[in-house]
Amino acid sequence: MTRINLDASDARILLLPEFERLELYLVGCGGTGSWLAPHVARIARLFHDLNGMDLQVTFIDKDRVEEKNTYRQNFVPAEIGHYKAETLAIRYSLSTGCNIGASTKPFAASDCSKHSSENTLRVFIGCVDNPAARRELERTIKHTEWRTFCILLDCGNHMRSGQVIVGTTPVEDMKPFKHFPGYCTWLPKPSVWHKELITETEVEEKKKPVSEMSCAEIAMMDQQGLSVNAVIAAFAADYLVQILLTQNLNRFATYIDLDGMITHRYITPRVIKSTQLKEAMRGAC
C-alpha cells in the first residue's frame, strides 16, 4: 500500500526576524549559478522596489569562461576569457537596473563578516560542486556573533537530478516550533540531512583522455547534463521568492528528477526532530 505524505498539511512557515538590510551572495557562477543569476537580479530588483530597503547583491566565482562552458552554462562565445562573476554581474546590472558587485576571489565566510551590521538578513546561495566549498558556506550560518540572521540555500545536481536545501543560523535554543504557532524560527544546515555534501569523496577516473576531444564533446560527456542546471536554478529561484517576497516558505528541501519525480520535504516537527536540531547546533557558536 502506498503511504500518503500528509506533512504538507502540518507544514510550518519559516519566520524571518525583522531586518533593515538585505545582502544576497551568489556563490558559484558556473552550471547552476549562471542560470540562477538572472533570477537573483530580478528578485533583488523587485524586493527593493516593494520595500525600498538597503540592498546588496554580490556574485562570487574565481573561474573564467571557457569555450566548453558556452554549451551547458549561461555564457556566450564573446565572453570567453572573462571572469564568470564579473560577466554576469555586468550583464544583469545593465538588464535589470540592479547594482550587482562581483568577486573573483575564492569564497571565504570571514570576508563577509568584515563589514557586518545589525538588523541584516544575509542569504547565501551556494552553487558549488565540492565539499570544501560547501563546508566554507556552512560557516556562514554558524557565525552567530555577526548578530545577523543568515540563510544558506544549497543547490546541487547530478546528470539528470538535483536538489535544493535550505538551512539557517541556529538560535539560542532548540525549539524552533515553540514560540510562534504555525511558524518555524530556524532550520538545520544542509549537511545534517546529507553528510556527503561536505565529505570528501574520491574523484572518478575518466575512462578515456580528453586531450583530443573538442569542447562540444567534452560538454556532452560532462557529469552534469545540458538541461538539469537550468531546472535546479528555477526551483532555487522559487525558494528565494517564497523566502523574500511572499515569505511563505513551508519546505526546506526539494529533490528533482528530470524523469518526472519531484519530492518536497516540509517544515514540520515530525520531520525536523530534536536529534537534527542538536546536530545543527553543534559548533554553531
C-alpha atoms as a PDB file:
ATOM      1  CA  MET A   1       0.000   0.000   0.000  1.00  0.00           C
ATOM      2  CA  THR A   2       1.286   3.449  -0.903  1.00  0.00           C
ATOM      3  CA  ARG A   3       1.738   5.753   2.052  1.00  0.00           C
ATOM      4  CA  ILE A   4       0.269   9.224   1.631  1.00  0.00           C
ATOM      5  CA  ASN A   5       2.547  12.024   2.817  1.00  0.00           C
ATOM      6  CA  LEU A   6       0.432  14.371   4.917  1.00  0.00           C
ATOM      7  CA  ASP A   7       3.340  16.552   6.041  1.00  0.00           C
ATOM      8  CA  ALA A   8       2.189  19.426   3.828  1.00  0.00           C
ATOM      9  CA  SER A   9      -0.990  19.760   5.895  1.00  0.00           C
ATOM     10  CA  ASP A  10       1.090  20.272   9.057  1.00  0.00           C
ATOM     11  CA  ALA A  11       3.845  22.369   7.482  1.00  0.00           C
ATOM     12  CA  ARG A  12       5.087  25.475   9.288  1.00  0.00           C
ATOM     13  CA  ILE A  13       6.312  28.669   7.634  1.00  0.00           C
ATOM     14  CA  LEU A  14       9.892  29.853   8.051  1.00  0.00           C
ATOM     15  CA  LEU A  15       9.711  33.015  10.154  1.00  0.00           C
ATOM     16  CA  LEU A  16      12.301  35.678   9.398  1.00  0.00           C
ATOM     17  CA  PRO A  17      13.448  38.133  12.057  1.00  0.00           C
ATOM     18  CA  GLU A  18      12.941  41.831  11.453  1.00  0.00           C
ATOM     19  CA  PHE A  19      15.709  43.263   9.297  1.00  0.00           C
ATOM     20  CA  GLU A  20      16.612  46.608   7.792  1.00  0.00           C
ATOM     21  CA  ARG A  21      19.184  45.496   5.219  1.00  0.00           C
ATOM     22  CA  LEU A  22      19.367  42.564   2.799  1.00  0.00           C
ATOM     23  CA  GLU A  23      22.533  41.028   1.364  1.00  0.00           C
ATOM     24  CA  LEU A  24      22.403  38.390  -1.368  1.00  0.00           C
ATOM     25  CA  TYR A  25      25.507  36.361  -2.249  1.00  0.00           C
ATOM     26  CA  LEU A  26      25.502  34.033  -5.261  1.00  0.00           C
ATOM     27  CA  VAL A  27      28.498  31.754  -4.652  1.00  0.00           C
ATOM     28  CA  GLY A  28      29.433  29.818  -7.779  1.00  0.00           C
ATOM     29  CA  CYS A  29      28.556  31.181 -11.221  1.00  0.00           C
ATOM     30  CA  GLY A  30      29.021  28.031 -13.282  1.00  0.00           C
ATOM     31  CA  GLY A  31      26.486  25.353 -14.170  1.00  0.00           C
ATOM     32  CA  THR A  32      23.584  26.238 -11.901  1.00  0.00           C
ATOM     33  CA  GLY A  33      24.800  29.633 -10.728  1.00  0.00           C
ATOM     34  CA  SER A  34      24.964  31.140 -14.204  1.00  0.00           C
ATOM     35  CA  TRP A  35      21.299  30.233 -14.823  1.00  0.00           C
ATOM     36  CA  LEU A  36      20.287  31.401 -11.362  1.00  0.00           C
ATOM     37  CA  ALA A  37      21.989  34.790 -11.753  1.00  0.00           C
ATOM     38  CA  PRO A  38      19.167  36.458 -13.767  1.00  0.00           C
ATOM     39  CA  HIS A  39      16.595  35.210 -11.230  1.00  0.00           C
ATOM     40  CA  VAL A  40      18.625  36.646  -8.344  1.00  0.00           C
ATOM     41  CA  ALA A  41      18.889  40.010 -10.099  1.00  0.00           C
ATOM     42  CA  ARG A  42      15.158  40.208 -10.885  1.00  0.00           C
ATOM     43  CA  ILE A  43      14.135  39.118  -7.378  1.00  0.00           C
ATOM     44  CA  ALA A  44      16.510  41.660  -5.839  1.00  0.00           C
ATOM     45  CA  ARG A  45      15.122  44.441  -8.031  1.00  0.00           C
ATOM     46  CA  LEU A  46      11.529  43.546  -7.137  1.00  0.00           C
ATOM     47  CA  PHE A  47      12.367  43.269  -3.429  1.00  0.00           C
ATOM     48  CA  HIS A  48      13.932  46.731  -3.493  1.00  0.00           C
ATOM     49  CA  ASP A  49      11.031  48.290  -5.396  1.00  0.00           C
ATOM     50  CA  LEU A  50       8.485  46.771  -2.989  1.00  0.00           C
ATOM     51  CA  ASN A  51      10.309  47.521   0.251  1.00  0.00           C
ATOM     52  CA  GLY A  52      12.692  50.381  -0.500  1.00  0.00           C
ATOM     53  CA  MET A  53      15.261  48.623   1.652  1.00  0.00           C
ATOM     54  CA  ASP A  54      19.035  48.890   1.553  1.00  0.00           C
ATOM     55  CA  LEU A  55      20.183  46.007  -0.638  1.00  0.00           C
ATOM     56  CA  GLN A  56      23.480  44.447  -1.694  1.00  0.00           C
ATOM     57  CA  VAL A  57      23.943  41.741  -4.351  1.00  0.00           C
ATOM     58  CA  THR A  58      27.283  40.034  -4.966  1.00  0.00           C
ATOM     59  CA  PHE A  59      28.272  37.316  -7.449  1.00  0.00           C
ATOM     60  CA  ILE A  60      31.314  35.248  -6.430  1.00  0.00           C
ATOM     61  CA  ASP A  61      33.394  32.924  -8.630  1.00  0.00           C
ATOM     62  CA  LYS A  62      37.137  32.701  -9.264  1.00  0.00           C
ATOM     63  CA  ASP A  63      36.898  30.980 -12.667  1.00  0.00           C
ATOM     64  CA  ARG A  64      36.939  32.420 -16.153  1.00  0.00           C
ATOM     65  CA  VAL A  65      34.610  31.470 -19.001  1.00  0.00           C
ATOM     66  CA  GLU A  66      35.964  28.653 -21.192  1.00  0.00           C
ATOM     67  CA  GLU A  67      34.725  27.541 -24.585  1.00  0.00           C
ATOM     68  CA  LYS A  68      33.206  24.354 -23.144  1.00  0.00           C
ATOM     69  CA  ASN A  69      31.140  26.471 -20.720  1.00  0.00           C
ATOM     70  CA  THR A  70      29.179  28.017 -23.589  1.00  0.00           C
ATOM     71  CA  TYR A  71      27.345  24.743 -24.191  1.00  0.00           C
ATOM     72  CA  ARG A  72      25.984  23.988 -20.714  1.00  0.00           C
ATOM     73  CA  GLN A  73      26.321  27.244 -18.819  1.00  0.00           C
ATOM     74  CA  ASN A  74      24.715  30.639 -19.370  1.00  0.00           C
ATOM     75  CA  PHE A  75      27.572  32.189 -21.343  1.00  0.00           C
ATOM     76  CA  VAL A  76      28.237  33.067 -24.985  1.00  0.00           C
ATOM     77  CA  PRO A  77      31.448  32.793 -27.030  1.00  0.00           C
ATOM     78  CA  ALA A  78      32.112  36.549 -26.792  1.00  0.00           C
ATOM     79  CA  GLU A  79      32.558  36.143 -23.014  1.00  0.00           C
ATOM     80  CA  ILE A  80      35.318  33.512 -23.223  1.00  0.00           C
ATOM     81  CA  GLY A  81      38.318  34.534 -21.138  1.00  0.00           C
ATOM     82  CA  HIS A  82      36.394  36.877 -18.850  1.00  0.00           C
ATOM     83  CA  TYR A  83      35.647  36.163 -15.202  1.00  0.00           C
ATOM     84  CA  LYS A  84      32.273  34.470 -14.794  1.00  0.00           C
ATOM     85  CA  ALA A  85      31.208  36.568 -11.791  1.00  0.00           C
ATOM     86  CA  GLU A  86      32.106  39.859 -13.467  1.00  0.00           C
ATOM     87  CA  THR A  87      30.483  38.877 -16.755  1.00  0.00           C
ATOM     88  CA  LEU A  88      27.169  38.007 -15.114  1.00  0.00           C
ATOM     89  CA  ALA A  89      27.265  40.995 -12.772  1.00  0.00           C
ATOM     90  CA  ILE A  90      27.722  43.430 -15.666  1.00  0.00           C
ATOM     91  CA  ARG A  91      25.113  41.723 -17.835  1.00  0.00           C
ATOM     92  CA  TYR A  92      22.355  41.655 -15.235  1.00  0.00           C
ATOM     93  CA  SER A  93      23.169  45.007 -13.688  1.00  0.00           C
ATOM     94  CA  LEU A  94      22.511  46.508 -17.106  1.00  0.00           C
ATOM     95  CA  SER A  95      19.405  44.452 -17.877  1.00  0.00           C
ATOM     96  CA  THR A  96      17.647  44.877 -14.506  1.00  0.00           C
ATOM     97  CA  GLY A  97      18.984  48.152 -13.174  1.00  0.00           C
ATOM     98  CA  CYS A  98      20.089  46.370 -10.013  1.00  0.00           C
ATOM     99  CA  ASN A  99      23.592  47.254  -8.842  1.00  0.00           C
ATOM    100  CA  ILE A 100      25.476  43.943  -8.615  1.00  0.00           C
ATOM    101  CA  GLY A 101      29.005  43.548  -7.315  1.00  0.00           C
ATOM    102  CA  ALA A 102      31.432  40.779  -8.265  1.00  0.00           C
ATOM    103  CA  SER A 103      34.274  38.998  -6.526  1.00  0.00           C
ATOM    104  CA  THR A 104      36.824  36.828  -8.341  1.00  0.00           C
ATOM    105  CA  LYS A 105      38.423  35.515  -5.149  1.00  0.00           C
ATOM    106  CA  PRO A 106      37.603  32.088  -3.664  1.00  0.00           C
ATOM    107  CA  PHE A 107      34.687  32.424  -1.262  1.00  0.00           C
ATOM    108  CA  ALA A 108      35.600  32.836   2.409  1.00  0.00           C
ATOM    109  CA  ALA A 109      32.955  33.202   5.092  1.00  0.00           C
ATOM    110  CA  SER A 110      35.217  35.508   7.085  1.00  0.00           C
ATOM    111  CA  ASP A 111      35.277  38.069   4.249  1.00  0.00           C
ATOM    112  CA  CYS A 112      31.519  38.545   4.537  1.00  0.00           C
ATOM    113  CA  SER A 113      31.715  39.351   8.256  1.00  0.00           C
ATOM    114  CA  LYS A 114      34.218  42.212   7.983  1.00  0.00           C
ATOM    115  CA  HIS A 115      31.606  44.902   7.438  1.00  0.00           C
ATOM    116  CA  SER A 116      28.705  43.266   9.229  1.00  0.00           C
ATOM    117  CA  SER A 117      25.950  45.332  10.755  1.00  0.00           C
ATOM    118  CA  GLU A 118      22.974  44.598  12.933  1.00  0.00           C
ATOM    119  CA  ASN A 119      19.474  44.002  11.581  1.00  0.00           C
ATOM    120  CA  THR A 120      20.857  42.458   8.391  1.00  0.00           C
ATOM    121  CA  LEU A 121      19.491  39.419   6.612  1.00  0.00           C
ATOM    122  CA  ARG A 122      22.165  37.579   4.637  1.00  0.00           C
ATOM    123  CA  VAL A 123      21.181  34.997   2.031  1.00  0.00           C
ATOM    124  CA  PHE A 124      23.992  32.813   0.658  1.00  0.00           C
ATOM    125  CA  ILE A 125      23.087  30.867  -2.474  1.00  0.00           C
ATOM    126  CA  GLY A 126      25.551  28.037  -2.885  1.00  0.00           C
ATOM    127  CA  CYS A 127      26.051  26.686  -6.404  1.00  0.00           C
ATOM    128  CA  VAL A 128      29.371  24.958  -5.765  1.00  0.00           C
ATOM    129  CA  ASP A 129      30.401  21.428  -6.640  1.00  0.00           C
ATOM    130  CA  ASN A 130      32.907  20.339  -3.999  1.00  0.00           C
ATOM    131  CA  PRO A 131      32.806  19.514  -0.272  1.00  0.00           C
ATOM    132  CA  ALA A 132      35.431  22.080   0.741  1.00  0.00           C
ATOM    133  CA  ALA A 133      33.405  24.956  -0.713  1.00  0.00           C
ATOM    134  CA  ARG A 134      30.239  23.667   0.932  1.00  0.00           C
ATOM    135  CA  ARG A 135      31.987  23.462   4.302  1.00  0.00           C
ATOM    136  CA  GLU A 136      33.030  27.079   3.913  1.00  0.00           C
ATOM    137  CA  LEU A 137      29.487  28.076   3.011  1.00  0.00           C
ATOM    138  CA  GLU A 138      28.099  26.340   6.082  1.00  0.00           C
ATOM    139  CA  ARG A 139      30.353  28.522   8.201  1.00  0.00           C
ATOM    140  CA  THR A 140      28.105  31.441   7.241  1.00  0.00           C
ATOM    141  CA  ILE A 141      25.243  30.023   9.300  1.00  0.00           C
ATOM    142  CA  LYS A 142      27.497  29.213  12.270  1.00  0.00           C
ATOM    143  CA  HIS A 143      28.813  32.721  12.849  1.00  0.00           C
ATOM    144  CA  THR A 144      26.124  33.915  15.234  1.00  0.00           C
ATOM    145  CA  GLU A 145      28.492  36.572  16.578  1.00  0.00           C
ATOM    146  CA  TRP A 146      27.780  38.576  13.433  1.00  0.00           C
ATOM    147  CA  ARG A 147      24.456  39.459  15.083  1.00  0.00           C
ATOM    148  CA  THR A 148      22.767  38.835  11.772  1.00  0.00           C
ATOM    149  CA  PHE A 149      20.428  36.123  10.562  1.00  0.00           C
ATOM    150  CA  CYS A 150      21.843  34.069   7.690  1.00  0.00           C
ATOM    151  CA  ILE A 151      20.134  31.725   5.260  1.00  0.00           C
ATOM    152  CA  LEU A 152      22.002  29.170   3.166  1.00  0.00           C
ATOM    153  CA  LEU A 153      20.343  27.892   0.007  1.00  0.00           C
ATOM    154  CA  ASP A 154      22.377  24.925  -1.232  1.00  0.00           C
ATOM    155  CA  CYS A 155      21.926  23.815  -4.846  1.00  0.00           C
ATOM    156  CA  GLY A 156      23.403  20.652  -6.310  1.00  0.00           C
ATOM    157  CA  ASN A 157      22.847  18.207  -9.125  1.00  0.00           C
ATOM    158  CA  HIS A 158      23.973  15.100 -10.974  1.00  0.00           C
ATOM    159  CA  MET A 159      23.346  14.152 -14.604  1.00  0.00           C
ATOM    160  CA  ARG A 160      19.526  14.225 -14.522  1.00  0.00           C
ATOM    161  CA  SER A 161      18.644  15.014 -10.922  1.00  0.00           C
ATOM    162  CA  GLY A 162      19.377  17.515  -8.214  1.00  0.00           C
ATOM    163  CA  GLN A 163      18.257  19.164  -5.009  1.00  0.00           C
ATOM    164  CA  VAL A 164      17.711  22.476  -3.262  1.00  0.00           C
ATOM    165  CA  ILE A 165      18.117  22.549   0.538  1.00  0.00           C
ATOM    166  CA  VAL A 166      17.724  25.441   2.986  1.00  0.00           C
ATOM    167  CA  GLY A 167      19.467  25.928   6.333  1.00  0.00           C
ATOM    168  CA  THR A 168      19.656  28.961   8.606  1.00  0.00           C
ATOM    169  CA  THR A 169      21.529  30.419  11.545  1.00  0.00           C
ATOM    170  CA  PRO A 170      20.584  28.477  14.701  1.00  0.00           C
ATOM    171  CA  VAL A 171      19.068  30.466  17.542  1.00  0.00           C
ATOM    172  CA  GLU A 172      19.854  30.157  21.229  1.00  0.00           C
ATOM    173  CA  ASP A 173      17.551  27.223  21.896  1.00  0.00           C
ATOM    174  CA  MET A 174      16.498  24.026  20.136  1.00  0.00           C
ATOM    175  CA  LYS A 175      12.792  24.774  19.977  1.00  0.00           C
ATOM    176  CA  PRO A 176      12.128  26.423  16.612  1.00  0.00           C
ATOM    177  CA  PHE A 177       8.437  25.420  16.674  1.00  0.00           C
ATOM    178  CA  LYS A 178       7.596  26.503  20.212  1.00  0.00           C
ATOM    179  CA  HIS A 179       7.367  30.276  20.381  1.00  0.00           C
ATOM    180  CA  PHE A 180       5.278  31.164  17.301  1.00  0.00           C
ATOM    181  CA  PRO A 181       2.431  28.754  16.451  1.00  0.00           C
ATOM    182  CA  GLY A 182       2.346  27.919  12.762  1.00  0.00           C
ATOM    183  CA  TYR A 183       5.918  29.075  12.229  1.00  0.00           C
ATOM    184  CA  CYS A 184       9.478  27.777  12.455  1.00  0.00           C
ATOM    185  CA  THR A 185      12.243  30.145  13.586  1.00  0.00           C
ATOM    186  CA  TRP A 186      15.275  28.295  12.156  1.00  0.00           C
ATOM    187  CA  LEU A 187      16.303  25.253  10.111  1.00  0.00           C
ATOM    188  CA  PRO A 188      19.178  22.721  10.331  1.00  0.00           C
ATOM    189  CA  LYS A 189      22.114  23.126   7.978  1.00  0.00           C
ATOM    190  CA  PRO A 190      22.033  21.113   4.699  1.00  0.00           C
ATOM    191  CA  SER A 191      24.755  18.658   5.808  1.00  0.00           C
ATOM    192  CA  VAL A 192      22.537  17.457   8.661  1.00  0.00           C
ATOM    193  CA  TRP A 193      20.393  15.798   6.004  1.00  0.00           C
ATOM    194  CA  HIS A 194      23.188  14.858   3.597  1.00  0.00           C
ATOM    195  CA  LYS A 195      26.630  14.498   5.151  1.00  0.00           C
ATOM    196  CA  GLU A 196      28.085  13.639   1.757  1.00  0.00           C
ATOM    197  CA  LEU A 197      27.725  17.299   0.794  1.00  0.00           C
ATOM    198  CA  ILE A 198      30.689  18.223   2.992  1.00  0.00           C
ATOM    199  CA  THR A 199      32.565  14.903   2.944  1.00  0.00           C
ATOM    200  CA  GLU A 200      35.486  14.385   0.629  1.00  0.00           C
ATOM    201  CA  THR A 201      34.951  11.679  -1.959  1.00  0.00           C
ATOM    202  CA  GLU A 202      37.287  10.157  -4.482  1.00  0.00           C
ATOM    203  CA  VAL A 203      37.229  11.719  -7.907  1.00  0.00           C
ATOM    204  CA  GLU A 204      36.122   9.223 -10.518  1.00  0.00           C
ATOM    205  CA  GLU A 205      38.818   8.367 -13.021  1.00  0.00           C
ATOM    206  CA  LYS A 206      37.920   9.283 -16.600  1.00  0.00           C
ATOM    207  CA  LYS A 207      37.543   6.323 -18.868  1.00  0.00           C
ATOM    208  CA  LYS A 208      39.492   7.995 -21.670  1.00  0.00           C
ATOM    209  CA  PRO A 209      41.702  11.063 -22.117  1.00  0.00           C
ATOM    210  CA  VAL A 210      40.104  14.288 -23.269  1.00  0.00           C
ATOM    211  CA  SER A 211      43.157  15.925 -24.853  1.00  0.00           C
ATOM    212  CA  GLU A 212      41.953  15.140 -28.358  1.00  0.00           C
ATOM    213  CA  MET A 213      38.273  15.927 -27.760  1.00  0.00           C
ATOM    214  CA  SER A 214      36.514  19.059 -28.959  1.00  0.00           C
ATOM    215  CA  CYS A 215      34.841  21.362 -26.454  1.00  0.00           C
ATOM    216  CA  ALA A 216      31.444  20.151 -27.644  1.00  0.00           C
ATOM    217  CA  GLU A 217      32.439  16.542 -26.968  1.00  0.00           C
ATOM    218  CA  ILE A 218      33.724  17.471 -23.517  1.00  0.00           C
ATOM    219  CA  ALA A 219      30.428  19.189 -22.759  1.00  0.00           C
ATOM    220  CA  MET A 220      28.455  16.105 -23.767  1.00  0.00           C
ATOM    221  CA  MET A 221      30.499  13.803 -21.512  1.00  0.00           C
ATOM    222  CA  ASP A 222      30.231  16.201 -18.557  1.00  0.00           C
ATOM    223  CA  GLN A 223      28.855  14.665 -15.371  1.00  0.00           C
ATOM    224  CA  GLN A 224      26.192  17.369 -15.346  1.00  0.00           C
ATOM    225  CA  GLY A 225      23.583  17.292 -18.099  1.00  0.00           C
ATOM    226  CA  LEU A 226      22.844  20.076 -20.541  1.00  0.00           C
ATOM    227  CA  SER A 227      19.411  20.954 -19.096  1.00  0.00           C
ATOM    228  CA  VAL A 228      19.434  19.986 -15.417  1.00  0.00           C
ATOM    229  CA  ASN A 229      21.223  23.148 -14.235  1.00  0.00           C
ATOM    230  CA  ALA A 230      18.514  25.458 -15.536  1.00  0.00           C
ATOM    231  CA  VAL A 231      15.854  23.319 -13.862  1.00  0.00           C
ATOM    232  CA  ILE A 232      17.588  23.404 -10.476  1.00  0.00           C
ATOM    233  CA  ALA A 233      18.048  27.158 -10.856  1.00  0.00           C
ATOM    234  CA  ALA A 234      14.307  27.608 -11.449  1.00  0.00           C
ATOM    235  CA  PHE A 235      13.447  25.737  -8.257  1.00  0.00           C
ATOM    236  CA  ALA A 236      16.061  27.683  -6.295  1.00  0.00           C
ATOM    237  CA  ALA A 237      14.561  30.922  -7.603  1.00  0.00           C
ATOM    238  CA  ASP A 238      11.151  29.834  -6.343  1.00  0.00           C
ATOM    239  CA  TYR A 239      12.675  29.283  -2.894  1.00  0.00           C
ATOM    240  CA  LEU A 240      14.057  32.825  -2.982  1.00  0.00           C
ATOM    241  CA  VAL A 241      10.661  34.219  -3.963  1.00  0.00           C
ATOM    242  CA  GLN A 242       8.984  32.432  -1.064  1.00  0.00           C
ATOM    243  CA  ILE A 243      11.699  33.423   1.409  1.00  0.00           C
ATOM    244  CA  LEU A 244      12.000  37.095   0.468  1.00  0.00           C
ATOM    245  CA  LEU A 245       8.857  38.222  -1.364  1.00  0.00           C
ATOM    246  CA  THR A 246       5.870  36.152  -0.275  1.00  0.00           C
ATOM    247  CA  GLN A 247       7.532  34.953   2.976  1.00  0.00           C
ATOM    248  CA  ASN A 248       5.521  31.733   2.994  1.00  0.00           C
ATOM    249  CA  LEU A 249       8.205  29.044   2.625  1.00  0.00           C
ATOM    250  CA  ASN A 250       6.951  25.829   4.232  1.00  0.00           C
ATOM    251  CA  ARG A 251       9.531  23.334   2.966  1.00  0.00           C
ATOM    252  CA  PHE A 252      13.266  23.000   3.485  1.00  0.00           C
ATOM    253  CA  ALA A 253      14.274  20.614   0.687  1.00  0.00           C
ATOM    254  CA  THR A 254      13.200  19.726  -2.829  1.00  0.00           C
ATOM    255  CA  TYR A 255      14.517  16.817  -4.892  1.00  0.00           C
ATOM    256  CA  ILE A 256      14.090  16.946  -8.650  1.00  0.00           C
ATOM    257  CA  ASP A 257      14.469  14.165 -11.193  1.00  0.00           C
ATOM    258  CA  LEU A 258      14.106  15.055 -14.863  1.00  0.00           C
ATOM    259  CA  ASP A 259      12.400  11.714 -15.486  1.00  0.00           C
ATOM    260  CA  GLY A 260       9.342  13.020 -13.652  1.00  0.00           C
ATOM    261  CA  MET A 261       9.788  12.858  -9.874  1.00  0.00           C
ATOM    262  CA  ILE A 262       9.642  15.938  -7.628  1.00  0.00           C
ATOM    263  CA  THR A 263       9.700  15.457  -3.862  1.00  0.00           C
ATOM    264  CA  HIS A 264       9.385  18.116  -1.167  1.00  0.00           C
ATOM    265  CA  ARG A 265      10.370  17.807   2.485  1.00  0.00           C
ATOM    266  CA  TYR A 266       8.201  20.042   4.603  1.00  0.00           C
ATOM    267  CA  ILE A 267       8.978  22.043   7.734  1.00  0.00           C
ATOM    268  CA  THR A 268       7.218  20.046  10.438  1.00  0.00           C
ATOM    269  CA  PRO A 269       8.128  18.915  13.970  1.00  0.00           C
ATOM    270  CA  ARG A 270       7.704  15.302  12.832  1.00  0.00           C
ATOM    271  CA  VAL A 271      10.349  15.658  10.128  1.00  0.00           C
ATOM    272  CA  ILE A 272      12.720  18.021  11.953  1.00  0.00           C
ATOM    273  CA  LYS A 273      13.445  16.151  15.164  1.00  0.00           C
ATOM    274  CA  SER A 274      15.495  17.163  18.196  1.00  0.00           C
ATOM    275  CA  THR A 275      18.404  14.978  17.036  1.00  0.00           C
ATOM    276  CA  GLN A 276      18.769  17.009  13.847  1.00  0.00           C
ATOM    277  CA  LEU A 277      18.490  20.260  15.775  1.00  0.00           C
ATOM    278  CA  LYS A 278      21.208  19.193  18.202  1.00  0.00           C
ATOM    279  CA  GLU A 279      23.497  18.298  15.319  1.00  0.00           C
ATOM    280  CA  ALA A 280      22.836  21.663  13.691  1.00  0.00           C
ATOM    281  CA  MET A 281      23.609  23.465  16.954  1.00  0.00           C
ATOM    282  CA  ARG A 282      26.947  21.688  17.325  1.00  0.00           C
ATOM    283  CA  GLY A 283      29.704  24.208  16.689  1.00  0.00           C
ATOM    284  CA  ALA A 284      27.243  26.968  15.911  1.00  0.00           C
ATOM    285  CA  CYS A 285      28.616  29.458  18.417  1.00  0.00           C
END
